[in-house]
Amino acid sequence: MADFCNKCAEELGFGIPDIDVYKIHESLEPGFFESCLCEGCGMLGVAKSDHGELFVIHDDDEGNSTFSDYENYKGLKKDNNE
């Protein structure tokens, strides 16, 4: 079964996300992350910065892991992520 994050679940018309990014973020200690795989956007994990900020981890076009602010993360529209 495929799992989807909050943004992908909303874009695909599912009611409740399989990967609740906000709940994962709340459960993390600052400076830690949790691995997960969104089958929609390819997000690889959720991270909480040392300052409590929410980031998602994903691969860039060169296969490097990149951290993006989740509020600006485009989900399925990953071509627009910066």
C-alpha atoms as a PDB file:
ATOM      1  CA  MET A   1       0.000   0.000   0.000  1.00  0.00           C
ATOM      2  CA  ALA A   2       1.301   3.455  -0.904  1.00  0.00           C
ATOM      3  CA  ASP A   3       1.735   6.113   1.775  1.00  0.00           C
ATOM      4  CA  PHE A   4       1.174   9.821   1.136  1.00  0.00           C
ATOM      5  CA  CYS A   5       2.139  12.973   3.066  1.00  0.00           C
ATOM      6  CA  ASN A   6      -0.309  15.745   3.995  1.00  0.00           C
ATOM      7  CA  LYS A   7       0.144  17.727   0.784  1.00  0.00           C
ATOM      8  CA  CYS A   8       0.019  14.748  -1.580  1.00  0.00           C
ATOM      9  CA  ALA A   9      -3.001  13.251   0.192  1.00  0.00           C
ATOM     10  CA  GLU A  10      -4.819  16.572  -0.225  1.00  0.00           C
ATOM     11  CA  GLU A  11      -3.808  16.930  -3.889  1.00  0.00           C
ATOM     12  CA  LEU A  12      -4.959  13.364  -4.600  1.00  0.00           C
ATOM     13  CA  GLY A  13      -8.259  13.817  -2.777  1.00  0.00           C
ATOM     14  CA  PHE A  14      -7.599  11.509   0.182  1.00  0.00           C
ATOM     15  CA  GLY A  15      -9.057  12.562   3.506  1.00  0.00           C
ATOM     16  CA  ILE A  16      -6.375  11.613   5.992  1.00  0.00           C
ATOM     17  CA  PRO A  17      -2.652  11.421   5.149  1.00  0.00           C
ATOM     18  CA  ASP A  18      -0.754   8.209   5.826  1.00  0.00           C
ATOM     19  CA  ILE A  19       2.295  10.299   6.747  1.00  0.00           C
ATOM     20  CA  ASP A  20       1.181  13.148   8.987  1.00  0.00           C
ATOM     21  CA  VAL A  21       4.162  15.463   8.681  1.00  0.00           C
ATOM     22  CA  TYR A  22       2.923  17.758  11.448  1.00  0.00           C
ATOM     23  CA  LYS A  23       2.440  14.931  13.989  1.00  0.00           C
ATOM     24  CA  ILE A  24       5.860  13.515  13.188  1.00  0.00           C
ATOM     25  CA  HIS A  25       7.404  16.968  13.606  1.00  0.00           C
ATOM     26  CA  GLU A  26       5.692  17.414  16.993  1.00  0.00           C
ATOM     27  CA  SER A  27       7.077  14.082  18.210  1.00  0.00           C
ATOM     28  CA  LEU A  28      10.689  14.845  17.291  1.00  0.00           C
ATOM     29  CA  GLU A  29      13.342  16.334  19.529  1.00  0.00           C
ATOM     30  CA  PRO A  30      15.167  19.338  18.010  1.00  0.00           C
ATOM     31  CA  GLY A  31      17.960  18.249  15.681  1.00  0.00           C
ATOM     32  CA  PHE A  32      16.390  14.886  14.827  1.00  0.00           C
ATOM     33  CA  PHE A  33      14.540  13.384  11.864  1.00  0.00           C
ATOM     34  CA  GLU A  34      12.313  10.429  11.045  1.00  0.00           C
ATOM     35  CA  SER A  35      12.582   8.475   7.819  1.00  0.00           C
ATOM     36  CA  CYS A  36       9.446   7.940   5.762  1.00  0.00           C
ATOM     37  CA  LEU A  37       8.678   7.640   2.056  1.00  0.00           C
ATOM     38  CA  CYS A  38       5.848   9.511   0.378  1.00  0.00           C
ATOM     39  CA  GLU A  39       4.887   7.671  -2.798  1.00  0.00           C
ATOM     40  CA  GLY A  40       3.513  10.902  -4.258  1.00  0.00           C
ATOM     41  CA  CYS A  41       6.327  13.440  -4.012  1.00  0.00           C
ATOM     42  CA  GLY A  42       9.192  11.176  -3.000  1.00  0.00           C
ATOM     43  CA  MET A  43       9.782  12.869   0.345  1.00  0.00           C
ATOM     44  CA  LEU A  44      12.256  10.742   2.329  1.00  0.00           C
ATOM     45  CA  GLY A  45      11.824  12.099   5.847  1.00  0.00           C
ATOM     46  CA  VAL A  46      10.665  14.755   8.283  1.00  0.00           C
ATOM     47  CA  ALA A  47      13.164  16.800  10.312  1.00  0.00           C
ATOM     48  CA  LYS A  48      13.024  19.249  13.202  1.00  0.00           C
ATOM     49  CA  SER A  49      15.837  21.800  13.215  1.00  0.00           C
ATOM     50  CA  ASP A  50      17.720  22.815  16.337  1.00  0.00           C
ATOM     51  CA  HIS A  51      15.394  25.843  16.391  1.00  0.00           C
ATOM     52  CA  GLY A  52      12.205  23.767  16.032  1.00  0.00           C
ATOM     53  CA  GLU A  53      11.615  24.463  12.334  1.00  0.00           C
ATOM     54  CA  LEU A  54       9.889  21.853  10.169  1.00  0.00           C
ATOM     55  CA  PHE A  55      11.808  20.517   7.175  1.00  0.00           C
ATOM     56  CA  VAL A  56      11.264  17.626   4.787  1.00  0.00           C
ATOM     57  CA  ILE A  57      14.075  15.611   3.253  1.00  0.00           C
ATOM     58  CA  HIS A  58      14.040  14.726  -0.437  1.00  0.00           C
ATOM     59  CA  ASP A  59      16.512  13.980  -3.249  1.00  0.00           C
ATOM     60  CA  ASP A  60      17.510  16.668  -5.707  1.00  0.00           C
ATOM     61  CA  ASP A  61      18.061  15.986  -9.414  1.00  0.00           C
ATOM     62  CA  GLU A  62      21.619  14.824  -8.694  1.00  0.00           C
ATOM     63  CA  GLY A  63      20.621  12.282  -6.029  1.00  0.00           C
ATOM     64  CA  ASN A  64      21.728  14.389  -3.058  1.00  0.00           C
ATOM     65  CA  SER A  65      19.564  14.625   0.052  1.00  0.00           C
ATOM     66  CA  THR A  66      18.115  18.111   0.415  1.00  0.00           C
ATOM     67  CA  PHE A  67      16.181  19.777   3.232  1.00  0.00           C
ATOM     68  CA  SER A  68      13.213  22.000   2.295  1.00  0.00           C
ATOM     69  CA  ASP A  69      10.923  24.107   4.425  1.00  0.00           C
ATOM     70  CA  TYR A  70       7.642  22.162   4.377  1.00  0.00           C
ATOM     71  CA  GLU A  71       5.455  25.261   4.069  1.00  0.00           C
ATOM     72  CA  ASN A  72       7.170  26.064   0.750  1.00  0.00           C
ATOM     73  CA  TYR A  73       7.446  22.428  -0.376  1.00  0.00           C
ATOM     74  CA  LYS A  74       5.341  21.784  -3.459  1.00  0.00           C
ATOM     75  CA  GLY A  75       4.489  18.121  -2.847  1.00  0.00           C
ATOM     76  CA  LEU A  76       3.548  16.471  -6.138  1.00  0.00           C
ATOM     77  CA  LYS A  77       4.657  19.623  -7.960  1.00  0.00           C
ATOM     78  CA  LYS A  78       8.247  18.768  -7.062  1.00  0.00           C
ATOM     79  CA  ASP A  79       9.652  20.390 -10.202  1.00  0.00           C
ATOM     80  CA  ASN A  80       8.892  23.728  -8.513  1.00  0.00           C
ATOM     81  CA  ASN A  81      10.705  22.937  -5.238  1.00  0.00           C
ATOM     82  CA  GLU A  82      13.726  25.040  -4.419  1.00  0.00           C
END
